[in-house]
Every structure is written in structure tokens, then in C-alpha cells.
All heavy atoms as atom14 arrays in JSON, in Angstrom:
{
  "sequence": "TITRDSANYTVYLQMNNLEPADTSVYYCAAARGITCSTMVRFP",
  "atom14_mask": [
    [1, 1, 1, 1, 1, 1, 1, 0, 0, 0, 0, 0, 0, 0],
    [1, 1, 1, 1, 1, 1, 1, 1, 0, 0, 0, 0, 0, 0],
    [1, 1, 1, 1, 1, 1, 1, 0, 0, 0, 0, 0, 0, 0],
    [1, 1, 1, 1, 1, 1, 1, 1, 1, 1, 1, 0, 0, 0],
    [1, 1, 1, 1, 1, 1, 1, 1, 0, 0, 0, 0, 0, 0],
    [1, 1, 1, 1, 1, 1, 0, 0, 0, 0, 0, 0, 0, 0],
    [1, 1, 1, 1, 1, 0, 0, 0, 0, 0, 0, 0, 0, 0],
    [1, 1, 1, 1, 1, 1, 1, 1, 0, 0, 0, 0, 0, 0],
    [1, 1, 1, 1, 1, 1, 1, 1, 1, 1, 1, 1, 0, 0],
    [1, 1, 1, 1, 1, 1, 1, 0, 0, 0, 0, 0, 0, 0],
    [1, 1, 1, 1, 1, 1, 1, 0, 0, 0, 0, 0, 0, 0],
    [1, 1, 1, 1, 1, 1, 1, 1, 1, 1, 1, 1, 0, 0],
    [1, 1, 1, 1, 1, 1, 1, 1, 0, 0, 0, 0, 0, 0],
    [1, 1, 1, 1, 1, 1, 1, 1, 1, 0, 0, 0, 0, 0],
    [1, 1, 1, 1, 1, 1, 1, 1, 0, 0, 0, 0, 0, 0],
    [1, 1, 1, 1, 1, 1, 1, 1, 0, 0, 0, 0, 0, 0],
    [1, 1, 1, 1, 1, 1, 1, 1, 0, 0, 0, 0, 0, 0],
    [1, 1, 1, 1, 1, 1, 1, 1, 0, 0, 0, 0, 0, 0],
    [1, 1, 1, 1, 1, 1, 1, 1, 1, 0, 0, 0, 0, 0],
    [1, 1, 1, 1, 1, 1, 1, 0, 0, 0, 0, 0, 0, 0],
    [1, 1, 1, 1, 1, 0, 0, 0, 0, 0, 0, 0, 0, 0],
    [1, 1, 1, 1, 1, 1, 1, 1, 0, 0, 0, 0, 0, 0],
    [1, 1, 1, 1, 1, 1, 1, 0, 0, 0, 0, 0, 0, 0],
    [1, 1, 1, 1, 1, 1, 0, 0, 0, 0, 0, 0, 0, 0],
    [1, 1, 1, 1, 1, 1, 1, 0, 0, 0, 0, 0, 0, 0],
    [1, 1, 1, 1, 1, 1, 1, 1, 1, 1, 1, 1, 0, 0],
    [1, 1, 1, 1, 1, 1, 1, 1, 1, 1, 1, 1, 0, 0],
    [1, 1, 1, 1, 1, 1, 0, 0, 0, 0, 0, 0, 0, 0],
    [1, 1, 1, 1, 1, 0, 0, 0, 0, 0, 0, 0, 0, 0],
    [1, 1, 1, 1, 1, 0, 0, 0, 0, 0, 0, 0, 0, 0],
    [1, 1, 1, 1, 1, 0, 0, 0, 0, 0, 0, 0, 0, 0],
    [1, 1, 1, 1, 1, 1, 1, 1, 1, 1, 1, 0, 0, 0],
    [1, 1, 1, 1, 0, 0, 0, 0, 0, 0, 0, 0, 0, 0],
    [1, 1, 1, 1, 1, 1, 1, 1, 0, 0, 0, 0, 0, 0],
    [1, 1, 1, 1, 1, 1, 1, 0, 0, 0, 0, 0, 0, 0],
    [1, 1, 1, 1, 1, 1, 0, 0, 0, 0, 0, 0, 0, 0],
    [1, 1, 1, 1, 1, 1, 0, 0, 0, 0, 0, 0, 0, 0],
    [1, 1, 1, 1, 1, 1, 1, 0, 0, 0, 0, 0, 0, 0],
    [1, 1, 1, 1, 1, 1, 1, 1, 0, 0, 0, 0, 0, 0],
    [1, 1, 1, 1, 1, 1, 1, 0, 0, 0, 0, 0, 0, 0],
    [1, 1, 1, 1, 1, 1, 1, 1, 1, 1, 1, 0, 0, 0],
    [1, 1, 1, 1, 1, 1, 1, 1, 1, 1, 1, 0, 0, 0],
    [1, 1, 1, 1, 1, 1, 1, 0, 0, 0, 0, 0, 0, 0]
  ],
  "atom14_positions": [
    [[-14.84, -0.17, 30.6], [-14.82, 0.91, 31.43], [-16.17, 0.94, 32.19], [-17.27, 0.71, 31.62], [-14.74, 2.3, 30.71], [-13.49, 2.26, 29.9], [-14.65, 3.5, 31.64], [0.0, 0.0, 0.0], [0.0, 0.0, 0.0], [0.0, 0.0, 0.0], [0.0, 0.0, 0.0], [0.0, 0.0, 0.0], [0.0, 0.0, 0.0], [0.0, 0.0, 0.0]],
    [[-16.16, 1.17, 33.51], [-17.37, 1.34, 34.33], [-17.48, 2.72, 34.82], [-16.51, 3.3, 35.31], [-17.32, 0.29, 35.49], [-18.71, 0.2, 36.19], [-16.16, 0.47, 36.41], [-18.85, -0.91, 37.14], [0.0, 0.0, 0.0], [0.0, 0.0, 0.0], [0.0, 0.0, 0.0], [0.0, 0.0, 0.0], [0.0, 0.0, 0.0], [0.0, 0.0, 0.0]],
    [[-18.7, 3.23, 34.6], [-19.05, 4.63, 35.03], [-20.42, 4.61, 35.66], [-21.15, 3.65, 35.68], [-19.07, 5.65, 33.79], [-20.0, 5.18, 32.79], [-17.62, 5.68, 33.24], [0.0, 0.0, 0.0], [0.0, 0.0, 0.0], [0.0, 0.0, 0.0], [0.0, 0.0, 0.0], [0.0, 0.0, 0.0], [0.0, 0.0, 0.0], [0.0, 0.0, 0.0]],
    [[-20.8, 5.82, 36.18], [-22.05, 5.94, 36.9], [-22.7, 7.21, 36.71], [-22.04, 8.24, 36.49], [-21.9, 5.66, 38.37], [-21.05, 6.69, 39.08], [-20.93, 6.48, 40.5], [-20.21, 7.6, 41.12], [-20.26, 7.99, 42.36], [-21.06, 7.3, 43.19], [-19.46, 8.94, 42.81], [0.0, 0.0, 0.0], [0.0, 0.0, 0.0], [0.0, 0.0, 0.0]],
    [[-24.03, 7.21, 36.73], [-24.79, 8.43, 36.78], [-25.41, 8.42, 38.19], [-26.42, 7.84, 38.41], [-25.86, 8.43, 35.78], [-26.8, 9.67, 35.79], [-26.7, 10.37, 36.83], [-27.53, 9.85, 34.9], [0.0, 0.0, 0.0], [0.0, 0.0, 0.0], [0.0, 0.0, 0.0], [0.0, 0.0, 0.0], [0.0, 0.0, 0.0], [0.0, 0.0, 0.0]],
    [[-24.69, 9.04, 39.16], [-25.11, 8.92, 40.5], [-26.45, 9.49, 40.83], [-27.16, 9.03, 41.68], [-24.0, 9.55, 41.42], [-23.77, 10.9, 41.08], [0.0, 0.0, 0.0], [0.0, 0.0, 0.0], [0.0, 0.0, 0.0], [0.0, 0.0, 0.0], [0.0, 0.0, 0.0], [0.0, 0.0, 0.0], [0.0, 0.0, 0.0], [0.0, 0.0, 0.0]],
    [[-26.84, 10.52, 40.1], [-28.13, 11.15, 40.29], [-29.25, 10.17, 40.06], [-30.32, 10.24, 40.58], [-28.25, 12.4, 39.46], [0.0, 0.0, 0.0], [0.0, 0.0, 0.0], [0.0, 0.0, 0.0], [0.0, 0.0, 0.0], [0.0, 0.0, 0.0], [0.0, 0.0, 0.0], [0.0, 0.0, 0.0], [0.0, 0.0, 0.0], [0.0, 0.0, 0.0]],
    [[-29.06, 9.29, 39.01], [-30.06, 8.33, 38.6], [-29.8, 6.92, 39.15], [-30.53, 6.03, 38.62], [-30.24, 8.41, 37.16], [-30.83, 9.78, 36.65], [-31.76, 10.19, 37.23], [-30.15, 10.4, 35.71], [0.0, 0.0, 0.0], [0.0, 0.0, 0.0], [0.0, 0.0, 0.0], [0.0, 0.0, 0.0], [0.0, 0.0, 0.0], [0.0, 0.0, 0.0]],
    [[-28.76, 6.73, 39.87], [-28.43, 5.39, 40.34], [-28.32, 4.43, 39.15], [-28.89, 3.19, 39.29], [-29.54, 4.89, 41.35], [-29.59, 5.77, 42.62], [-30.56, 6.74, 42.65], [-28.73, 5.63, 43.64], [-30.59, 7.57, 43.78], [-28.85, 6.42, 44.83], [-29.75, 7.42, 44.82], [-29.82, 8.23, 45.93], [0.0, 0.0, 0.0], [0.0, 0.0, 0.0]],
    [[-27.62, 4.83, 38.19], [-27.42, 3.98, 37.05], [-25.98, 3.77, 36.76], [-25.16, 4.79, 36.85], [-28.12, 4.51, 35.73], [-29.45, 4.76, 36.0], [-27.86, 3.71, 34.49], [0.0, 0.0, 0.0], [0.0, 0.0, 0.0], [0.0, 0.0, 0.0], [0.0, 0.0, 0.0], [0.0, 0.0, 0.0], [0.0, 0.0, 0.0], [0.0, 0.0, 0.0]],
    [[-25.54, 2.54, 36.4], [-24.18, 2.23, 36.2], [-24.0, 1.63, 34.74], [-24.85, 0.95, 34.37], [-23.58, 1.16, 37.21], [-22.26, 0.65, 36.86], [-23.59, 1.85, 38.64], [0.0, 0.0, 0.0], [0.0, 0.0, 0.0], [0.0, 0.0, 0.0], [0.0, 0.0, 0.0], [0.0, 0.0, 0.0], [0.0, 0.0, 0.0], [0.0, 0.0, 0.0]],
    [[-22.97, 2.06, 34.12], [-22.7, 1.66, 32.75], [-21.46, 0.91, 32.63], [-20.47, 1.18, 33.24], [-22.68, 2.97, 31.85], [-23.88, 3.8, 31.9], [-23.88, 4.91, 32.73], [-25.01, 3.58, 31.19], [-24.91, 5.79, 32.84], [-26.14, 4.36, 31.34], [-26.15, 5.4, 32.12], [-27.24, 6.28, 32.22], [0.0, 0.0, 0.0], [0.0, 0.0, 0.0]],
    [[-21.5, -0.1, 31.72], [-20.26, -0.91, 31.41], [-20.06, -0.65, 29.9], [-20.76, -1.21, 29.11], [-20.46, -2.37, 31.74], [-19.19, -3.23, 31.51], [-18.1, -2.76, 32.55], [-19.52, -4.72, 31.66], [0.0, 0.0, 0.0], [0.0, 0.0, 0.0], [0.0, 0.0, 0.0], [0.0, 0.0, 0.0], [0.0, 0.0, 0.0], [0.0, 0.0, 0.0]],
    [[-19.13, 0.05, 29.67], [-18.65, 0.3, 28.19], [-17.68, -0.85, 27.8], [-16.55, -0.92, 28.47], [-18.0, 1.63, 28.05], [-17.51, 2.0, 26.59], [-18.58, 2.04, 25.56], [-19.68, 2.57, 25.73], [-18.3, 1.32, 24.43], [0.0, 0.0, 0.0], [0.0, 0.0, 0.0], [0.0, 0.0, 0.0], [0.0, 0.0, 0.0], [0.0, 0.0, 0.0]],
    [[-18.0, -1.59, 26.86], [-17.14, -2.64, 26.43], [-16.62, -2.41, 25.06], [-17.44, -2.33, 24.07], [-17.93, -3.97, 26.48], [-18.55, -4.29, 27.89], [-19.35, -5.87, 27.94], [-20.74, -5.62, 26.83], [0.0, 0.0, 0.0], [0.0, 0.0, 0.0], [0.0, 0.0, 0.0], [0.0, 0.0, 0.0], [0.0, 0.0, 0.0], [0.0, 0.0, 0.0]],
    [[-15.37, -2.22, 24.94], [-14.67, -2.09, 23.61], [-13.81, -3.25, 23.2], [-13.39, -4.03, 24.16], [-13.85, -0.86, 23.65], [-14.71, 0.36, 23.93], [-15.87, 0.59, 23.53], [-14.06, 1.37, 24.65], [0.0, 0.0, 0.0], [0.0, 0.0, 0.0], [0.0, 0.0, 0.0], [0.0, 0.0, 0.0], [0.0, 0.0, 0.0], [0.0, 0.0, 0.0]],
    [[-13.52, -3.33, 21.92], [-12.61, -4.4, 21.43], [-13.02, -5.71, 21.95], [-12.2, -6.51, 22.48], [-11.25, -4.13, 21.82], [-10.15, -4.91, 21.07], [-10.45, -5.43, 20.02], [-8.95, -5.01, 21.59], [0.0, 0.0, 0.0], [0.0, 0.0, 0.0], [0.0, 0.0, 0.0], [0.0, 0.0, 0.0], [0.0, 0.0, 0.0], [0.0, 0.0, 0.0]],
    [[-14.34, -6.0, 21.82], [-14.81, -7.27, 22.32], [-14.26, -8.47, 21.64], [-13.96, -8.48, 20.36], [-16.37, -7.24, 22.23], [-17.09, -6.42, 23.26], [-18.46, -6.04, 22.84], [-17.14, -7.16, 24.62], [0.0, 0.0, 0.0], [0.0, 0.0, 0.0], [0.0, 0.0, 0.0], [0.0, 0.0, 0.0], [0.0, 0.0, 0.0], [0.0, 0.0, 0.0]],
    [[-14.13, -9.58, 22.32], [-13.6, -10.84, 21.8], [-14.63, -11.95, 22.06], [-15.51, -11.85, 22.93], [-12.33, -11.14, 22.68], [-11.26, -10.1, 22.68], [-10.2, -10.34, 23.72], [-10.33, -11.27, 24.51], [-9.21, -9.52, 23.77], [0.0, 0.0, 0.0], [0.0, 0.0, 0.0], [0.0, 0.0, 0.0], [0.0, 0.0, 0.0], [0.0, 0.0, 0.0]],
    [[-14.53, -12.95, 21.26], [-15.38, -14.2, 21.4], [-15.47, -14.64, 22.86], [-16.5, -15.14, 23.32], [-14.89, -15.21, 20.43], [-14.29, -14.36, 19.32], [-13.7, -13.18, 20.04], [0.0, 0.0, 0.0], [0.0, 0.0, 0.0], [0.0, 0.0, 0.0], [0.0, 0.0, 0.0], [0.0, 0.0, 0.0], [0.0, 0.0, 0.0], [0.0, 0.0, 0.0]],
    [[-14.26, -14.52, 23.5], [-14.24, -15.08, 24.97], [-15.03, -14.21, 25.9], [-15.31, -14.65, 27.08], [-12.79, -14.99, 25.38], [0.0, 0.0, 0.0], [0.0, 0.0, 0.0], [0.0, 0.0, 0.0], [0.0, 0.0, 0.0], [0.0, 0.0, 0.0], [0.0, 0.0, 0.0], [0.0, 0.0, 0.0], [0.0, 0.0, 0.0], [0.0, 0.0, 0.0]],
    [[-15.52, -13.01, 25.46], [-16.37, -12.2, 26.26], [-17.87, -12.63, 26.15], [-18.67, -12.11, 26.95], [-16.25, -10.71, 25.85], [-14.85, -10.15, 26.05], [-14.3, -10.36, 27.13], [-14.38, -9.45, 25.08], [0.0, 0.0, 0.0], [0.0, 0.0, 0.0], [0.0, 0.0, 0.0], [0.0, 0.0, 0.0], [0.0, 0.0, 0.0], [0.0, 0.0, 0.0]],
    [[-18.08, -13.6, 25.38], [-19.52, -14.08, 25.28], [-19.92, -14.69, 26.55], [-19.36, -15.57, 27.12], [-19.55, -15.13, 24.12], [-19.29, -14.47, 22.89], [-21.01, -15.7, 24.13], [0.0, 0.0, 0.0], [0.0, 0.0, 0.0], [0.0, 0.0, 0.0], [0.0, 0.0, 0.0], [0.0, 0.0, 0.0], [0.0, 0.0, 0.0], [0.0, 0.0, 0.0]],
    [[-21.0, -14.09, 27.16], [-21.48, -14.57, 28.49], [-22.95, -13.97, 28.75], [-23.22, -12.99, 27.99], [-20.55, -14.13, 29.62], [-19.44, -14.87, 29.63], [0.0, 0.0, 0.0], [0.0, 0.0, 0.0], [0.0, 0.0, 0.0], [0.0, 0.0, 0.0], [0.0, 0.0, 0.0], [0.0, 0.0, 0.0], [0.0, 0.0, 0.0], [0.0, 0.0, 0.0]],
    [[-23.49, -14.44, 29.75], [-24.64, -13.67, 30.33], [-24.0, -12.68, 31.33], [-23.24, -13.13, 32.2], [-25.61, -14.56, 31.0], [-26.66, -13.7, 31.67], [-26.22, -15.6, 30.08], [0.0, 0.0, 0.0], [0.0, 0.0, 0.0], [0.0, 0.0, 0.0], [0.0, 0.0, 0.0], [0.0, 0.0, 0.0], [0.0, 0.0, 0.0], [0.0, 0.0, 0.0]],
    [[-24.29, -11.48, 31.25], [-23.75, -10.4, 32.13], [-24.8, -10.04, 33.09], [-25.9, -9.73, 32.76], [-23.29, -9.18, 31.31], [-21.98, -9.43, 30.53], [-21.88, -10.27, 29.48], [-20.8, -8.75, 31.02], [-20.67, -10.43, 28.77], [-19.56, -8.95, 30.36], [-19.57, -9.78, 29.34], [-18.35, -10.06, 28.6], [0.0, 0.0, 0.0], [0.0, 0.0, 0.0]],
    [[-24.38, -10.01, 34.35], [-25.27, -9.72, 35.53], [-24.74, -8.42, 36.21], [-23.62, -8.23, 36.45], [-25.19, -10.87, 36.5], [-25.75, -12.14, 36.0], [-24.81, -13.11, 35.46], [-27.12, -12.51, 36.08], [-25.27, -14.35, 34.94], [-27.55, -13.75, 35.61], [-26.7, -14.6, 35.06], [-27.1, -15.84, 34.58], [0.0, 0.0, 0.0], [0.0, 0.0, 0.0]],
    [[-25.71, -7.68, 36.57], [-25.41, -6.53, 37.43], [-25.63, -7.0, 38.89], [-26.58, -7.8, 39.17], [-26.39, -5.41, 37.13], [-26.1, -3.92, 38.18], [0.0, 0.0, 0.0], [0.0, 0.0, 0.0], [0.0, 0.0, 0.0], [0.0, 0.0, 0.0], [0.0, 0.0, 0.0], [0.0, 0.0, 0.0], [0.0, 0.0, 0.0], [0.0, 0.0, 0.0]],
    [[-24.76, -6.57, 39.79], [-24.77, -6.98, 41.16], [-24.59, -5.8, 41.99], [-23.86, -4.84, 41.66], [-23.7, -8.01, 41.45], [0.0, 0.0, 0.0], [0.0, 0.0, 0.0], [0.0, 0.0, 0.0], [0.0, 0.0, 0.0], [0.0, 0.0, 0.0], [0.0, 0.0, 0.0], [0.0, 0.0, 0.0], [0.0, 0.0, 0.0], [0.0, 0.0, 0.0]],
    [[-25.08, -5.84, 43.24], [-24.9, -4.73, 44.21], [-24.76, -5.29, 45.57], [-25.21, -6.37, 45.9], [-26.13, -3.77, 44.14], [0.0, 0.0, 0.0], [0.0, 0.0, 0.0], [0.0, 0.0, 0.0], [0.0, 0.0, 0.0], [0.0, 0.0, 0.0], [0.0, 0.0, 0.0], [0.0, 0.0, 0.0], [0.0, 0.0, 0.0], [0.0, 0.0, 0.0]],
    [[-24.01, -4.55, 46.42], [-23.86, -4.99, 47.76], [-23.52, -3.82, 48.65], [-22.95, -2.75, 48.22], [-22.59, -5.91, 47.75], [0.0, 0.0, 0.0], [0.0, 0.0, 0.0], [0.0, 0.0, 0.0], [0.0, 0.0, 0.0], [0.0, 0.0, 0.0], [0.0, 0.0, 0.0], [0.0, 0.0, 0.0], [0.0, 0.0, 0.0], [0.0, 0.0, 0.0]],
    [[-23.83, -3.96, 49.88], [-23.4, -3.05, 50.98], [-22.37, -3.65, 51.8], [-22.32, -4.89, 51.97], [-24.63, -2.78, 51.89], [-25.76, -1.93, 51.23], [-26.79, -1.5, 52.31], [-27.76, -0.55, 51.74], [-29.01, -1.0, 51.46], [-29.3, -2.24, 51.47], [-29.9, -0.06, 51.01], [0.0, 0.0, 0.0], [0.0, 0.0, 0.0], [0.0, 0.0, 0.0]],
    [[-21.56, -2.8, 52.26], [-20.61, -3.27, 53.35], [-19.31, -4.01, 52.84], [-18.6, -4.58, 53.6], [0.0, 0.0, 0.0], [0.0, 0.0, 0.0], [0.0, 0.0, 0.0], [0.0, 0.0, 0.0], [0.0, 0.0, 0.0], [0.0, 0.0, 0.0], [0.0, 0.0, 0.0], [0.0, 0.0, 0.0], [0.0, 0.0, 0.0], [0.0, 0.0, 0.0]],
    [[-19.13, -4.06, 51.57], [-17.87, -4.61, 51.05], [-17.28, -3.59, 50.04], [-17.96, -2.71, 49.53], [-18.11, -5.93, 50.25], [-19.03, -5.9, 49.11], [-18.63, -6.95, 51.22], [-19.13, -7.1, 48.25], [0.0, 0.0, 0.0], [0.0, 0.0, 0.0], [0.0, 0.0, 0.0], [0.0, 0.0, 0.0], [0.0, 0.0, 0.0], [0.0, 0.0, 0.0]],
    [[-15.99, -3.73, 49.7], [-15.3, -2.84, 48.82], [-15.42, -3.46, 47.41], [-15.73, -4.6, 47.22], [-13.92, -2.67, 49.12], [-13.18, -3.97, 48.98], [-13.64, -2.13, 50.57], [0.0, 0.0, 0.0], [0.0, 0.0, 0.0], [0.0, 0.0, 0.0], [0.0, 0.0, 0.0], [0.0, 0.0, 0.0], [0.0, 0.0, 0.0], [0.0, 0.0, 0.0]],
    [[-15.07, -2.59, 46.4], [-15.04, -3.17, 45.08], [-13.98, -4.25, 44.91], [-14.17, -5.13, 44.19], [-14.75, -2.03, 44.08], [-16.28, -1.17, 43.48], [0.0, 0.0, 0.0], [0.0, 0.0, 0.0], [0.0, 0.0, 0.0], [0.0, 0.0, 0.0], [0.0, 0.0, 0.0], [0.0, 0.0, 0.0], [0.0, 0.0, 0.0], [0.0, 0.0, 0.0]],
    [[-12.84, -4.12, 45.57], [-11.9, -5.11, 45.5], [-12.34, -6.47, 45.91], [-12.11, -7.53, 45.3], [-10.62, -4.73, 46.36], [-9.97, -3.62, 45.79], [0.0, 0.0, 0.0], [0.0, 0.0, 0.0], [0.0, 0.0, 0.0], [0.0, 0.0, 0.0], [0.0, 0.0, 0.0], [0.0, 0.0, 0.0], [0.0, 0.0, 0.0], [0.0, 0.0, 0.0]],
    [[-13.15, -6.43, 47.05], [-13.79, -7.71, 47.53], [-14.8, -8.22, 46.53], [-14.82, -9.46, 46.35], [-14.39, -7.44, 48.92], [-13.38, -7.09, 49.81], [-15.03, -8.73, 49.43], [0.0, 0.0, 0.0], [0.0, 0.0, 0.0], [0.0, 0.0, 0.0], [0.0, 0.0, 0.0], [0.0, 0.0, 0.0], [0.0, 0.0, 0.0], [0.0, 0.0, 0.0]],
    [[-15.58, -7.3, 45.98], [-16.65, -7.79, 45.05], [-16.0, -8.5, 43.88], [-16.56, -9.5, 43.39], [-17.51, -6.63, 44.6], [-18.52, -7.02, 43.48], [-19.53, -5.7, 42.88], [-21.07, -6.04, 43.78], [0.0, 0.0, 0.0], [0.0, 0.0, 0.0], [0.0, 0.0, 0.0], [0.0, 0.0, 0.0], [0.0, 0.0, 0.0], [0.0, 0.0, 0.0]],
    [[-14.98, -7.85, 43.26], [-14.36, -8.5, 42.13], [-13.73, -9.83, 42.46], [-13.72, -10.75, 41.64], [-13.37, -7.46, 41.46], [-12.53, -8.12, 40.37], [-14.13, -6.31, 40.91], [0.0, 0.0, 0.0], [0.0, 0.0, 0.0], [0.0, 0.0, 0.0], [0.0, 0.0, 0.0], [0.0, 0.0, 0.0], [0.0, 0.0, 0.0], [0.0, 0.0, 0.0]],
    [[-13.12, -9.95, 43.6], [-12.5, -11.2, 43.98], [-13.46, -12.21, 44.36], [-13.33, -13.54, 44.01], [-11.55, -10.99, 45.17], [-10.27, -10.22, 44.82], [-9.39, -10.21, 46.03], [-8.94, -11.51, 46.5], [-8.39, -11.81, 47.7], [-8.19, -10.76, 48.52], [-8.01, -12.99, 47.97], [0.0, 0.0, 0.0], [0.0, 0.0, 0.0], [0.0, 0.0, 0.0]],
    [[-14.6, -11.83, 45.03], [-15.59, -12.8, 45.52], [-16.98, -12.31, 45.12], [-17.77, -11.8, 45.99], [-15.55, -12.78, 47.05], [-14.17, -13.19, 47.55], [-13.33, -12.26, 48.21], [-13.61, -14.49, 47.4], [-12.07, -12.52, 48.61], [-12.31, -14.79, 47.94], [-11.64, -13.84, 48.54], [0.0, 0.0, 0.0], [0.0, 0.0, 0.0], [0.0, 0.0, 0.0]],
    [[-17.31, -12.45, 43.89], [-18.58, -11.85, 43.36], [-19.86, -12.42, 44.11], [-20.89, -11.81, 44.16], [-18.7, -12.21, 41.88], [-17.63, -13.33, 41.72], [-16.58, -13.03, 42.75], [0.0, 0.0, 0.0], [0.0, 0.0, 0.0], [0.0, 0.0, 0.0], [0.0, 0.0, 0.0], [0.0, 0.0, 0.0], [0.0, 0.0, 0.0], [0.0, 0.0, 0.0]]
  ]
}
């Protein structure tokens, strides 16, 4: 689940039921001018 605290410009990723396949380096990314659908398709 992804949520935000807009007042503090902070975004949270709540990860439940984690699997070994979720092992990775996780990066936060930001962009202007694109939608979330575009970001997820073309990070």
C-alpha cells in the first residue's frame, strides 16, 4: 500500500506478506509531468 503525508511531503510504502522475491534495493522516485500509470510502466 502506498500512502502520503502531504503536509510533510512524505510517502510511505507499507509492505505486507513479503516474499523472498521481493528482495531488492528499493528506490524512491519522483517526477513532474507524468501520471502514475506512466511512471509504473516506464520508471
